[in-house]
PDB file of N, CA and C in Angstrom:
ATOM      1  N   MET A   1       1.601 -21.629  20.861  1.00  0.00           N
ATOM      2  CA  MET A   1       0.678 -20.554  21.159  1.00  0.00           C
ATOM      3  C   MET A   1      -0.705 -21.147  21.432  1.00  0.00           C
ATOM      4  N   ASN A   2      -1.359 -20.660  22.413  1.00  0.00           N
ATOM      5  CA  ASN A   2      -2.699 -21.067  22.779  1.00  0.00           C
ATOM      6  C   ASN A   2      -3.671 -20.765  21.640  1.00  0.00           C
ATOM      7  N   LYS A   3      -4.588 -21.692  21.342  1.00  0.00           N
ATOM      8  CA  LYS A   3      -5.553 -21.494  20.259  1.00  0.00           C
ATOM      9  C   LYS A   3      -6.420 -20.265  20.473  1.00  0.00           C
ATOM     10  N   ARG A   4      -6.656 -19.909  21.724  1.00  0.00           N
ATOM     11  CA  ARG A   4      -7.528 -18.777  22.018  1.00  0.00           C
ATOM     12  C   ARG A   4      -6.792 -17.446  22.005  1.00  0.00           C
ATOM     13  N   SER A   5      -5.474 -17.482  21.949  1.00  0.00           N
ATOM     14  CA  SER A   5      -4.725 -16.230  21.930  1.00  0.00           C
ATOM     15  C   SER A   5      -4.694 -15.671  20.511  1.00  0.00           C
ATOM     16  N   THR A   6      -4.529 -14.376  20.426  1.00  0.00           N
ATOM     17  CA  THR A   6      -4.493 -13.693  19.142  1.00  0.00           C
ATOM     18  C   THR A   6      -3.145 -13.027  18.998  1.00  0.00           C
ATOM     19  N   SER A   7      -2.555 -13.159  17.821  1.00  0.00           N
ATOM     20  CA  SER A   7      -1.275 -12.493  17.596  1.00  0.00           C
ATOM     21  C   SER A   7      -1.514 -10.990  17.494  1.00  0.00           C
ATOM     22  N   TYR A   8      -0.450 -10.236  17.697  1.00  0.00           N
ATOM     23  CA  TYR A   8      -0.575  -8.785  17.578  1.00  0.00           C
ATOM     24  C   TYR A   8      -1.044  -8.396  16.180  1.00  0.00           C
ATOM     25  N   GLN A   9      -0.487  -9.044  15.156  1.00  0.00           N
ATOM     26  CA  GLN A   9      -0.869  -8.719  13.772  1.00  0.00           C
ATOM     27  C   GLN A   9      -2.354  -8.970  13.543  1.00  0.00           C
ATOM     28  N   GLU A  10      -2.868 -10.082  14.051  1.00  0.00           N
ATOM     29  CA  GLU A  10      -4.306 -10.369  13.915  1.00  0.00           C
ATOM     30  C   GLU A  10      -5.140  -9.318  14.638  1.00  0.00           C
ATOM     31  N   TYR A  11      -4.710  -8.955  15.831  1.00  0.00           N
ATOM     32  CA  TYR A  11      -5.410  -7.920  16.600  1.00  0.00           C
ATOM     33  C   TYR A  11      -5.392  -6.586  15.847  1.00  0.00           C
ATOM     34  N   LEU A  12      -4.220  -6.227  15.323  1.00  0.00           N
ATOM     35  CA  LEU A  12      -4.074  -4.975  14.588  1.00  0.00           C
ATOM     36  C   LEU A  12      -4.990  -4.947  13.376  1.00  0.00           C
ATOM     37  N   ILE A  13      -4.952  -5.987  12.573  1.00  0.00           N
ATOM     38  CA  ILE A  13      -5.776  -6.039  11.360  1.00  0.00           C
ATOM     39  C   ILE A  13      -7.253  -5.950  11.722  1.00  0.00           C
ATOM     40  N   ASP A  14      -7.658  -6.638  12.758  1.00  0.00           N
ATOM     41  CA  ASP A  14      -9.058  -6.579  13.191  1.00  0.00           C
ATOM     42  C   ASP A  14      -9.436  -5.158  13.625  1.00  0.00           C
ATOM     43  N   SER A  15      -8.559  -4.497  14.376  1.00  0.00           N
ATOM     44  CA  SER A  15      -8.871  -3.143  14.849  1.00  0.00           C
ATOM     45  C   SER A  15      -8.900  -2.141  13.703  1.00  0.00           C
ATOM     46  N   LEU A  16      -8.129  -2.389  12.644  1.00  0.00           N
ATOM     47  CA  LEU A  16      -8.074  -1.453  11.518  1.00  0.00           C
ATOM     48  C   LEU A  16      -9.289  -1.555  10.606  1.00  0.00           C
ATOM     49  N   LYS A  17     -10.188  -2.466  10.890  1.00  0.00           N
ATOM     50  CA  LYS A  17     -11.450  -2.530  10.144  1.00  0.00           C
ATOM     51  C   LYS A  17     -12.339  -1.339  10.495  1.00  0.00           C
ATOM     52  N   ASP A  18     -12.103  -0.755  11.670  1.00  0.00           N
ATOM     53  CA  ASP A  18     -12.820   0.440  12.089  1.00  0.00           C
ATOM     54  C   ASP A  18     -12.203   1.651  11.374  1.00  0.00           C
ATOM     55  N   HIS A  19     -13.032   2.430  10.692  1.00  0.00           N
ATOM     56  CA  HIS A  19     -12.533   3.539   9.877  1.00  0.00           C
ATOM     57  C   HIS A  19     -11.806   4.604  10.694  1.00  0.00           C
ATOM     58  N   GLU A  20     -12.318   4.948  11.854  1.00  0.00           N
ATOM     59  CA  GLU A  20     -11.661   5.955  12.685  1.00  0.00           C
ATOM     60  C   GLU A  20     -10.325   5.437  13.216  1.00  0.00           C
ATOM     61  N   GLU A  21     -10.300   4.187  13.599  1.00  0.00           N
ATOM     62  CA  GLU A  21      -9.056   3.572  14.085  1.00  0.00           C
ATOM     63  C   GLU A  21      -8.012   3.565  12.970  1.00  0.00           C
ATOM     64  N   ALA A  22      -8.430   3.214  11.760  1.00  0.00           N
ATOM     65  CA  ALA A  22      -7.509   3.175  10.622  1.00  0.00           C
ATOM     66  C   ALA A  22      -6.971   4.570  10.312  1.00  0.00           C
ATOM     67  N   ALA A  23      -7.826   5.580  10.340  1.00  0.00           N
ATOM     68  CA  ALA A  23      -7.385   6.951  10.067  1.00  0.00           C
ATOM     69  C   ALA A  23      -6.373   7.402  11.122  1.00  0.00           C
ATOM     70  N   GLY A  24      -6.633   7.118  12.381  1.00  0.00           N
ATOM     71  CA  GLY A  24      -5.702   7.477  13.446  1.00  0.00           C
ATOM     72  C   GLY A  24      -4.366   6.769  13.296  1.00  0.00           C
ATOM     73  N   TYR A  25      -4.424   5.512  12.930  1.00  0.00           N
ATOM     74  CA  TYR A  25      -3.219   4.697  12.735  1.00  0.00           C
ATOM     75  C   TYR A  25      -2.376   5.263  11.591  1.00  0.00           C
ATOM     76  N   LEU A  26      -3.030   5.594  10.482  1.00  0.00           N
ATOM     77  CA  LEU A  26      -2.306   6.152   9.340  1.00  0.00           C
ATOM     78  C   LEU A  26      -1.738   7.532   9.662  1.00  0.00           C
ATOM     79  N   ASN A  27      -2.500   8.342  10.381  1.00  0.00           N
ATOM     80  CA  ASN A  27      -1.991   9.664  10.771  1.00  0.00           C
ATOM     81  C   ASN A  27      -0.784   9.548  11.690  1.00  0.00           C
ATOM     82  N   ALA A  28      -0.812   8.591  12.604  1.00  0.00           N
ATOM     83  CA  ALA A  28       0.338   8.379  13.489  1.00  0.00           C
ATOM     84  C   ALA A  28       1.562   7.981  12.670  1.00  0.00           C
ATOM     85  N   ALA A  29       1.359   7.148  11.664  1.00  0.00           N
ATOM     86  CA  ALA A  29       2.472   6.737  10.800  1.00  0.00           C
ATOM     87  C   ALA A  29       2.994   7.930   9.998  1.00  0.00           C
ATOM     88  N   LEU A  30       2.101   8.770   9.510  1.00  0.00           N
ATOM     89  CA  LEU A  30       2.524   9.970   8.787  1.00  0.00           C
ATOM     90  C   LEU A  30       3.279  10.928   9.694  1.00  0.00           C
ATOM     91  N   ALA A  31       2.807  11.072  10.919  1.00  0.00           N
ATOM     92  CA  ALA A  31       3.415  12.010  11.861  1.00  0.00           C
ATOM     93  C   ALA A  31       4.865  11.654  12.153  1.00  0.00           C
ATOM     94  N   ASP A  32       5.195  10.378  12.053  1.00  0.00           N
ATOM     95  CA  ASP A  32       6.583   9.956  12.277  1.00  0.00           C
ATOM     96  C   ASP A  32       7.506  10.453  11.173  1.00  0.00           C
ATOM     97  N   GLY A  33       6.929  10.796  10.018  1.00  0.00           N
ATOM     98  CA  GLY A  33       7.727  11.307   8.910  1.00  0.00           C
ATOM     99  C   GLY A  33       8.489  10.243   8.146  1.00  0.00           C
ATOM    100  N   ASP A  34       8.245   8.997   8.449  1.00  0.00           N
ATOM    101  CA  ASP A  34       8.927   7.882   7.795  1.00  0.00           C
ATOM    102  C   ASP A  34       7.991   7.289   6.741  1.00  0.00           C
ATOM    103  N   ILE A  35       8.280   7.555   5.478  1.00  0.00           N
ATOM    104  CA  ILE A  35       7.411   7.076   4.392  1.00  0.00           C
ATOM    105  C   ILE A  35       7.349   5.556   4.381  1.00  0.00           C
ATOM    106  N   HIS A  36       8.463   4.896   4.665  1.00  0.00           N
ATOM    107  CA  HIS A  36       8.455   3.427   4.709  1.00  0.00           C
ATOM    108  C   HIS A  36       7.484   2.934   5.775  1.00  0.00           C
ATOM    109  N   GLY A  37       7.512   3.557   6.941  1.00  0.00           N
ATOM    110  CA  GLY A  37       6.584   3.190   8.013  1.00  0.00           C
ATOM    111  C   GLY A  37       5.148   3.446   7.611  1.00  0.00           C
ATOM    112  N   PHE A  38       4.916   4.560   6.909  1.00  0.00           N
ATOM    113  CA  PHE A  38       3.568   4.856   6.440  1.00  0.00           C
ATOM    114  C   PHE A  38       3.102   3.809   5.437  1.00  0.00           C
ATOM    115  N   LEU A  39       3.967   3.421   4.501  1.00  0.00           N
ATOM    116  CA  LEU A  39       3.585   2.416   3.509  1.00  0.00           C
ATOM    117  C   LEU A  39       3.285   1.074   4.174  1.00  0.00           C
ATOM    118  N   LEU A  40       4.040   0.722   5.204  1.00  0.00           N
ATOM    119  CA  LEU A  40       3.743  -0.515   5.944  1.00  0.00           C
ATOM    120  C   LEU A  40       2.392  -0.405   6.653  1.00  0.00           C
ATOM    121  N   ALA A  41       2.116   0.763   7.235  1.00  0.00           N
ATOM    122  CA  ALA A  41       0.828   0.981   7.889  1.00  0.00           C
ATOM    123  C   ALA A  41      -0.299   0.901   6.869  1.00  0.00           C
ATOM    124  N   LEU A  42      -0.089   1.489   5.703  1.00  0.00           N
ATOM    125  CA  LEU A  42      -1.099   1.450   4.645  1.00  0.00           C
ATOM    126  C   LEU A  42      -1.346   0.011   4.196  1.00  0.00           C
ATOM    127  N   GLN A  43      -0.294  -0.784   4.124  1.00  0.00           N
ATOM    128  CA  GLN A  43      -0.460  -2.196   3.768  1.00  0.00           C
ATOM    129  C   GLN A  43      -1.329  -2.908   4.801  1.00  0.00           C
ATOM    130  N   ASN A  44      -1.149  -2.587   6.076  1.00  0.00           N
ATOM    131  CA  ASN A  44      -1.980  -3.197   7.121  1.00  0.00           C
ATOM    132  C   ASN A  44      -3.441  -2.795   6.977  1.00  0.00           C
ATOM    133  N   VAL A  45      -3.695  -1.529   6.671  1.00  0.00           N
ATOM    134  CA  VAL A  45      -5.079  -1.076   6.488  1.00  0.00           C
ATOM    135  C   VAL A  45      -5.701  -1.758   5.272  1.00  0.00           C
ATOM    136  N   ILE A  46      -4.937  -1.876   4.213  1.00  0.00           N
ATOM    137  CA  ILE A  46      -5.433  -2.566   3.013  1.00  0.00           C
ATOM    138  C   ILE A  46      -5.768  -4.013   3.343  1.00  0.00           C
ATOM    139  N   GLN A  47      -4.916  -4.670   4.108  1.00  0.00           N
ATOM    140  CA  GLN A  47      -5.189  -6.048   4.515  1.00  0.00           C
ATOM    141  C   GLN A  47      -6.485  -6.120   5.318  1.00  0.00           C
ATOM    142  N   ALA A  48      -6.692  -5.152   6.205  1.00  0.00           N
ATOM    143  CA  ALA A  48      -7.908  -5.134   7.024  1.00  0.00           C
ATOM    144  C   ALA A  48      -9.158  -4.908   6.181  1.00  0.00           C
ATOM    145  N   ARG A  49      -8.997  -4.276   5.035  1.00  0.00           N
ATOM    146  CA  ARG A  49     -10.132  -3.956   4.173  1.00  0.00           C
ATOM    147  C   ARG A  49     -10.329  -4.958   3.048  1.00  0.00           C
ATOM    148  N   GLY A  50      -9.699  -6.108   3.148  1.00  0.00           N
ATOM    149  CA  GLY A  50      -9.941  -7.151   2.164  1.00  0.00           C
ATOM    150  C   GLY A  50      -8.745  -7.531   1.332  1.00  0.00           C
ATOM    151  N   GLY A  51      -7.644  -6.815   1.467  1.00  0.00           N
ATOM    152  CA  GLY A  51      -6.417  -7.182   0.776  1.00  0.00           C
ATOM    153  C   GLY A  51      -6.238  -6.537  -0.582  1.00  0.00           C
ATOM    154  N   ILE A  52      -5.119  -6.873  -1.190  1.00  0.00           N
ATOM    155  CA  ILE A  52      -4.727  -6.291  -2.476  1.00  0.00           C
ATOM    156  C   ILE A  52      -5.705  -6.660  -3.587  1.00  0.00           C
ATOM    157  N   SER A  53      -6.201  -7.887  -3.588  1.00  0.00           N
ATOM    158  CA  SER A  53      -7.126  -8.296  -4.649  1.00  0.00           C
ATOM    159  C   SER A  53      -8.381  -7.426  -4.658  1.00  0.00           C
ATOM    160  N   LYS A  54      -8.922  -7.190  -3.489  1.00  0.00           N
ATOM    161  CA  LYS A  54     -10.116  -6.351  -3.392  1.00  0.00           C
ATOM    162  C   LYS A  54      -9.797  -4.913  -3.791  1.00  0.00           C
ATOM    163  N   LEU A  55      -8.629  -4.423  -3.377  1.00  0.00           N
ATOM    164  CA  LEU A  55      -8.212  -3.080  -3.750  1.00  0.00           C
ATOM    165  C   LEU A  55      -8.039  -2.970  -5.263  1.00  0.00           C
ATOM    166  N   ALA A  56      -7.465  -3.993  -5.865  1.00  0.00           N
ATOM    167  CA  ALA A  56      -7.280  -3.994  -7.319  1.00  0.00           C
ATOM    168  C   ALA A  56      -8.628  -3.896  -8.034  1.00  0.00           C
ATOM    169  N   GLU A  57      -9.612  -4.620  -7.535  1.00  0.00           N
ATOM    170  CA  GLU A  57     -10.953  -4.545  -8.125  1.00  0.00           C
ATOM    171  C   GLU A  57     -11.528  -3.139  -8.003  1.00  0.00           C
ATOM    172  N   LYS A  58     -11.410  -2.551  -6.823  1.00  0.00           N
ATOM    173  CA  LYS A  58     -11.982  -1.227  -6.572  1.00  0.00           C
ATOM    174  C   LYS A  58     -11.285  -0.127  -7.365  1.00  0.00           C
ATOM    175  N   THR A  59      -9.979  -0.250  -7.543  1.00  0.00           N
ATOM    176  CA  THR A  59      -9.209   0.806  -8.207  1.00  0.00           C
ATOM    177  C   THR A  59      -9.026   0.551  -9.698  1.00  0.00           C
ATOM    178  N   HIS A  60      -9.390  -0.635 -10.156  1.00  0.00           N
ATOM    179  CA  HIS A  60      -9.198  -1.031 -11.553  1.00  0.00           C
ATOM    180  C   HIS A  60      -7.716  -0.975 -11.933  1.00  0.00           C
ATOM    181  N   LYS A  61      -6.872  -1.367 -10.993  1.00  0.00           N
ATOM    182  CA  LYS A  61      -5.441  -1.454 -11.223  1.00  0.00           C
ATOM    183  C   LYS A  61      -5.010  -2.901 -11.002  1.00  0.00           C
ATOM    184  N   SER A  62      -3.898  -3.254 -11.605  1.00  0.00           N
ATOM    185  CA  SER A  62      -3.424  -4.624 -11.432  1.00  0.00           C
ATOM    186  C   SER A  62      -2.834  -4.792 -10.038  1.00  0.00           C
ATOM    187  N   ARG A  63      -2.907  -6.020  -9.551  1.00  0.00           N
ATOM    188  CA  ARG A  63      -2.302  -6.304  -8.252  1.00  0.00           C
ATOM    189  C   ARG A  63      -0.809  -6.005  -8.286  1.00  0.00           C
ATOM    190  N   THR A  64      -0.163  -6.330  -9.407  1.00  0.00           N
ATOM    191  CA  THR A  64       1.275  -6.098  -9.545  1.00  0.00           C
ATOM    192  C   THR A  64       1.605  -4.620  -9.389  1.00  0.00           C
ATOM    193  N   SER A  65       0.830  -3.764 -10.061  1.00  0.00           N
ATOM    194  CA  SER A  65       1.111  -2.333  -9.964  1.00  0.00           C
ATOM    195  C   SER A  65       0.860  -1.819  -8.553  1.00  0.00           C
ATOM    196  N   LEU A  66      -0.138  -2.349  -7.878  1.00  0.00           N
ATOM    197  CA  LEU A  66      -0.400  -1.943  -6.499  1.00  0.00           C
ATOM    198  C   LEU A  66       0.719  -2.402  -5.574  1.00  0.00           C
ATOM    199  N   TYR A  67       1.178  -3.634  -5.751  1.00  0.00           N
ATOM    200  CA  TYR A  67       2.298  -4.121  -4.934  1.00  0.00           C
ATOM    201  C   TYR A  67       3.524  -3.235  -5.129  1.00  0.00           C
ATOM    202  N   LYS A  68       3.803  -2.837  -6.380  1.00  0.00           N
ATOM    203  CA  LYS A  68       4.948  -1.970  -6.647  1.00  0.00           C
ATOM    204  C   LYS A  68       4.763  -0.608  -5.983  1.00  0.00           C
ATOM    205  N   SER A  69       3.574  -0.047  -6.076  1.00  0.00           N
ATOM    206  CA  SER A  69       3.306   1.267  -5.482  1.00  0.00           C
ATOM    207  C   SER A  69       3.469   1.253  -3.977  1.00  0.00           C
ATOM    208  N   LEU A  70       3.111   0.139  -3.362  1.00  0.00           N
ATOM    209  CA  LEU A  70       3.150   0.034  -1.909  1.00  0.00           C
ATOM    210  C   LEU A  70       4.474  -0.493  -1.380  1.00  0.00           C
ATOM    211  N   SER A  71       5.374  -0.875  -2.279  1.00  0.00           N
ATOM    212  CA  SER A  71       6.666  -1.394  -1.823  1.00  0.00           C
ATOM    213  C   SER A  71       7.502  -0.259  -1.263  1.00  0.00           C
ATOM    214  N   LEU A  72       8.511  -0.602  -0.488  1.00  0.00           N
ATOM    215  CA  LEU A  72       9.358   0.405   0.134  1.00  0.00           C
ATOM    216  C   LEU A  72      10.160   1.206  -0.886  1.00  0.00           C
ATOM    217  N   LYS A  73      10.356   0.657  -2.080  1.00  0.00           N
ATOM    218  CA  LYS A  73      11.083   1.363  -3.134  1.00  0.00           C
ATOM    219  C   LYS A  73      10.142   1.968  -4.171  1.00  0.00           C
ATOM    220  N   GLY A  74       8.863   1.608  -4.109  1.00  0.00           N
ATOM    221  CA  GLY A  74       7.982   1.859  -5.234  1.00  0.00           C
ATOM    222  C   GLY A  74       7.210   3.150  -5.277  1.00  0.00           C
ATOM    223  N   ASN A  75       7.379   4.050  -4.317  1.00  0.00           N
ATOM    224  CA  ASN A  75       6.561   5.245  -4.369  1.00  0.00           C
ATOM    225  C   ASN A  75       7.408   6.500  -4.139  1.00  0.00           C
ATOM    226  N   PRO A  76       8.277   6.828  -5.103  1.00  0.00           N
ATOM    227  CA  PRO A  76       9.099   8.026  -4.929  1.00  0.00           C
ATOM    228  C   PRO A  76       8.261   9.301  -4.911  1.00  0.00           C
ATOM    229  N   TYR A  77       7.131   9.301  -5.577  1.00  0.00           N
ATOM    230  CA  TYR A  77       6.258  10.481  -5.586  1.00  0.00           C
ATOM    231  C   TYR A  77       5.827  10.832  -4.165  1.00  0.00           C
ATOM    232  N   LEU A  78       5.398   9.837  -3.412  1.00  0.00           N
ATOM    233  CA  LEU A  78       4.959  10.076  -2.041  1.00  0.00           C
ATOM    234  C   LEU A  78       6.115  10.602  -1.189  1.00  0.00           C
ATOM    235  N   LYS A  79       7.290  10.023  -1.348  1.00  0.00           N
ATOM    236  CA  LYS A  79       8.455  10.469  -0.582  1.00  0.00           C
ATOM    237  C   LYS A  79       8.801  11.913  -0.933  1.00  0.00           C
ATOM    238  N   ASN A  80       8.834  12.229  -2.225  1.00  0.00           N
ATOM    239  CA  ASN A  80       9.163  13.587  -2.652  1.00  0.00           C
ATOM    240  C   ASN A  80       8.114  14.588  -2.182  1.00  0.00           C
ATOM    241  N   THR A  81       6.866  14.236  -2.310  1.00  0.00           N
ATOM    242  CA  THR A  81       5.794  15.131  -1.875  1.00  0.00           C
ATOM    243  C   THR A  81       5.880  15.382  -0.381  1.00  0.00           C
ATOM    244  N   ASN A  82       6.141  14.347   0.380  1.00  0.00           N
ATOM    245  CA  ASN A  82       6.264  14.497   1.830  1.00  0.00           C
ATOM    246  C   ASN A  82       7.435  15.410   2.184  1.00  0.00           C
ATOM    247  N   GLU A  83       8.548  15.272   1.476  1.00  0.00           N
ATOM    248  CA  GLU A  83       9.709  16.130   1.730  1.00  0.00           C
ATOM    249  C   GLU A  83       9.406  17.589   1.381  1.00  0.00           C
ATOM    250  N   ILE A  84       8.684  17.817   0.301  1.00  0.00           N
ATOM    251  CA  ILE A  84       8.301  19.175  -0.092  1.00  0.00           C
ATOM    252  C   ILE A  84       7.376  19.780   0.959  1.00  0.00           C
ATOM    253  N   LEU A  85       6.371  19.018   1.364  1.00  0.00           N
ATOM    254  CA  LEU A  85       5.449  19.520   2.385  1.00  0.00           C
ATOM    255  C   LEU A  85       6.192  19.833   3.683  1.00  0.00           C
ATOM    256  N   ASP A  86       7.106  18.969   4.068  1.00  0.00           N
ATOM    257  CA  ASP A  86       7.885  19.197   5.279  1.00  0.00           C
ATOM    258  C   ASP A  86       8.692  20.493   5.170  1.00  0.00           C
ATOM    259  N   ALA A  87       9.269  20.728   3.997  1.00  0.00           N
ATOM    260  CA  ALA A  87      10.085  21.923   3.791  1.00  0.00           C
ATOM    261  C   ALA A  87       9.274  23.214   3.917  1.00  0.00           C
ATOM    262  N   ILE A  88       7.984  23.146   3.621  1.00  0.00           N
ATOM    263  CA  ILE A  88       7.143  24.344   3.735  1.00  0.00           C
ATOM    264  C   ILE A  88       6.290  24.326   4.997  1.00  0.00           C
ATOM    265  N   GLY A  89       6.660  23.435   5.916  1.00  0.00           N
ATOM    266  CA  GLY A  89       5.992  23.405   7.208  1.00  0.00           C
ATOM    267  C   GLY A  89       4.614  22.783   7.188  1.00  0.00           C
ATOM    268  N   MET A  90       4.366  21.870   6.273  1.00  0.00           N
ATOM    269  CA  MET A  90       3.056  21.224   6.174  1.00  0.00           C
ATOM    270  C   MET A  90       3.231  19.714   6.163  1.00  0.00           C
ATOM    271  N   THR A  91       2.094  19.015   6.274  1.00  0.00           N
ATOM    272  CA  THR A  91       2.119  17.561   6.267  1.00  0.00           C
ATOM    273  C   THR A  91       0.809  17.026   5.717  1.00  0.00           C
ATOM    274  N   PHE A  92       0.829  15.775   5.332  1.00  0.00           N
ATOM    275  CA  PHE A  92      -0.391  15.076   4.945  1.00  0.00           C
ATOM    276  C   PHE A  92      -1.197  14.764   6.187  1.00  0.00           C
ATOM    277  N   GLN A  93      -2.501  14.608   6.013  1.00  0.00           N
ATOM    278  CA  GLN A  93      -3.351  14.120   7.089  1.00  0.00           C
ATOM    279  C   GLN A  93      -4.420  13.231   6.480  1.00  0.00           C
ATOM    280  N   ILE A  94      -4.703  12.132   7.138  1.00  0.00           N
ATOM    281  CA  ILE A  94      -5.728  11.205   6.700  1.00  0.00           C
ATOM    282  C   ILE A  94      -7.030  11.569   7.411  1.00  0.00           C
ATOM    283  N   VAL A  95      -8.090  11.768   6.645  1.00  0.00           N
ATOM    284  CA  VAL A  95      -9.407  12.027   7.225  1.00  0.00           C
ATOM    285  C   VAL A  95     -10.410  11.078   6.582  1.00  0.00           C
ATOM    286  N   GLU A  96     -11.390  10.700   7.352  1.00  0.00           N
ATOM    287  CA  GLU A  96     -12.422   9.804   6.837  1.00  0.00           C
ATOM    288  C   GLU A  96     -13.310  10.567   5.873  1.00  0.00           C
ATOM    289  N   ARG A  97     -13.577   9.959   4.731  1.00  0.00           N
ATOM    290  CA  ARG A  97     -14.508  10.533   3.770  1.00  0.00           C
ATOM    291  C   ARG A  97     -15.898  10.561   4.358  1.00  0.00           C
ATOM    292  N   ASP A  98     -16.770  11.320   3.760  1.00  0.00           N
ATOM    293  CA  ASP A  98     -18.182  11.310   4.143  1.00  0.00           C
ATOM    294  C   ASP A  98     -18.626   9.855   4.125  1.00  0.00           C
ATOM    295  N   ASN A  99     -19.140   9.379   5.235  1.00  0.00           N
ATOM    296  CA  ASN A  99     -19.421   7.952   5.360  1.00  0.00           C
ATOM    297  C   ASN A  99     -20.873   7.590   5.127  1.00  0.00           C
ATOM    298  N   LYS A 100     -21.599   8.362   4.372  1.00  0.00           N
ATOM    299  CA  LYS A 100     -22.993   8.037   4.066  1.00  0.00           C
ATOM    300  C   LYS A 100     -23.113   6.701   3.341  1.00  0.00           C
ATOM    301  N   ARG A 101     -22.100   6.379   2.544  1.00  0.00           N
ATOM    302  CA  ARG A 101     -22.143   5.124   1.793  1.00  0.00           C
ATOM    303  C   ARG A 101     -22.179   3.910   2.706  1.00  0.00           C
ATOM    304  N   ARG A 102     -21.687   4.042   3.912  1.00  0.00           N
ATOM    305  CA  ARG A 102     -21.695   2.918   4.855  1.00  0.00           C
ATOM    306  C   ARG A 102     -22.933   2.949   5.730  1.00  0.00           C
ATOM    307  N   GLY A 103     -23.831   3.912   5.493  1.00  0.00           N
ATOM    308  CA  GLY A 103     -25.083   3.943   6.241  1.00  0.00           C
ATOM    309  C   GLY A 103     -24.975   4.571   7.602  1.00  0.00           C
ATOM    310  N   ARG A 104     -23.857   5.258   7.893  1.00  0.00           N
ATOM    311  CA  ARG A 104     -23.712   5.919   9.186  1.00  0.00           C
ATOM    312  C   ARG A 104     -23.810   7.414   8.949  1.00  0.00           C
ATOM    313  N   LYS A 105     -24.227   8.107   9.971  1.00  0.00           N
ATOM    314  CA  LYS A 105     -24.339   9.554   9.901  1.00  0.00           C
ATOM    315  C   LYS A 105     -22.950  10.171   9.913  1.00  0.00           C
ATOM    316  N   ALA A 106     -22.691  11.071   8.963  1.00  0.00           N
ATOM    317  CA  ALA A 106     -21.402  11.751   8.889  1.00  0.00           C
ATOM    318  C   ALA A 106     -21.297  12.779  10.006  1.00  0.00           C
ATOM    319  N   THR A 107     -20.090  12.918  10.538  1.00  0.00           N
ATOM    320  CA  THR A 107     -19.869  13.916  11.580  1.00  0.00           C
ATOM    321  C   THR A 107     -18.754  14.846  11.133  1.00  0.00           C
ATOM    322  N   ARG A 108     -18.776  16.052  11.665  1.00  0.00           N
ATOM    323  CA  ARG A 108     -17.723  17.017  11.380  1.00  0.00           C
ATOM    324  C   ARG A 108     -17.086  17.448  12.682  1.00  0.00           C
ATOM    325  N   ALA A 109     -15.794  17.671  12.603  1.00  0.00           N
ATOM    326  CA  ALA A 109     -15.079  18.157  13.788  1.00  0.00           C
ATOM    327  C   ALA A 109     -15.439  19.616  14.001  1.00  0.00           C
ATOM    328  N   ALA A 110     -15.648  19.997  15.240  1.00  0.00           N
ATOM    329  CA  ALA A 110     -16.003  21.384  15.545  1.00  0.00           C
ATOM    330  C   ALA A 110     -14.773  22.240  15.658  1.00  0.00           C
TER     331      ALA A 110
END
């Protein structure tokens, strides 16, 4: 591979550093209805935001517990909740929190 070329994974992780891009990516994964796909997408966003170690610091949870929660077998709550929401004609949606903490002006959808 050429030194100047970027792998798709590197490109993806770099693009997911943008909050709007990450929210759209996660929503697309949710829209597919595949919890495993969503968990993989969430892992990519976490990687773009500094990885599991940084997440563990922010959440005050162990890396081990986070790895288990994000594993394909480790989050039955999310799978069950998604199935319940689907049964009542609803779904999860990812939205960006008020972004004042990042120094940008918050916007609202009209």
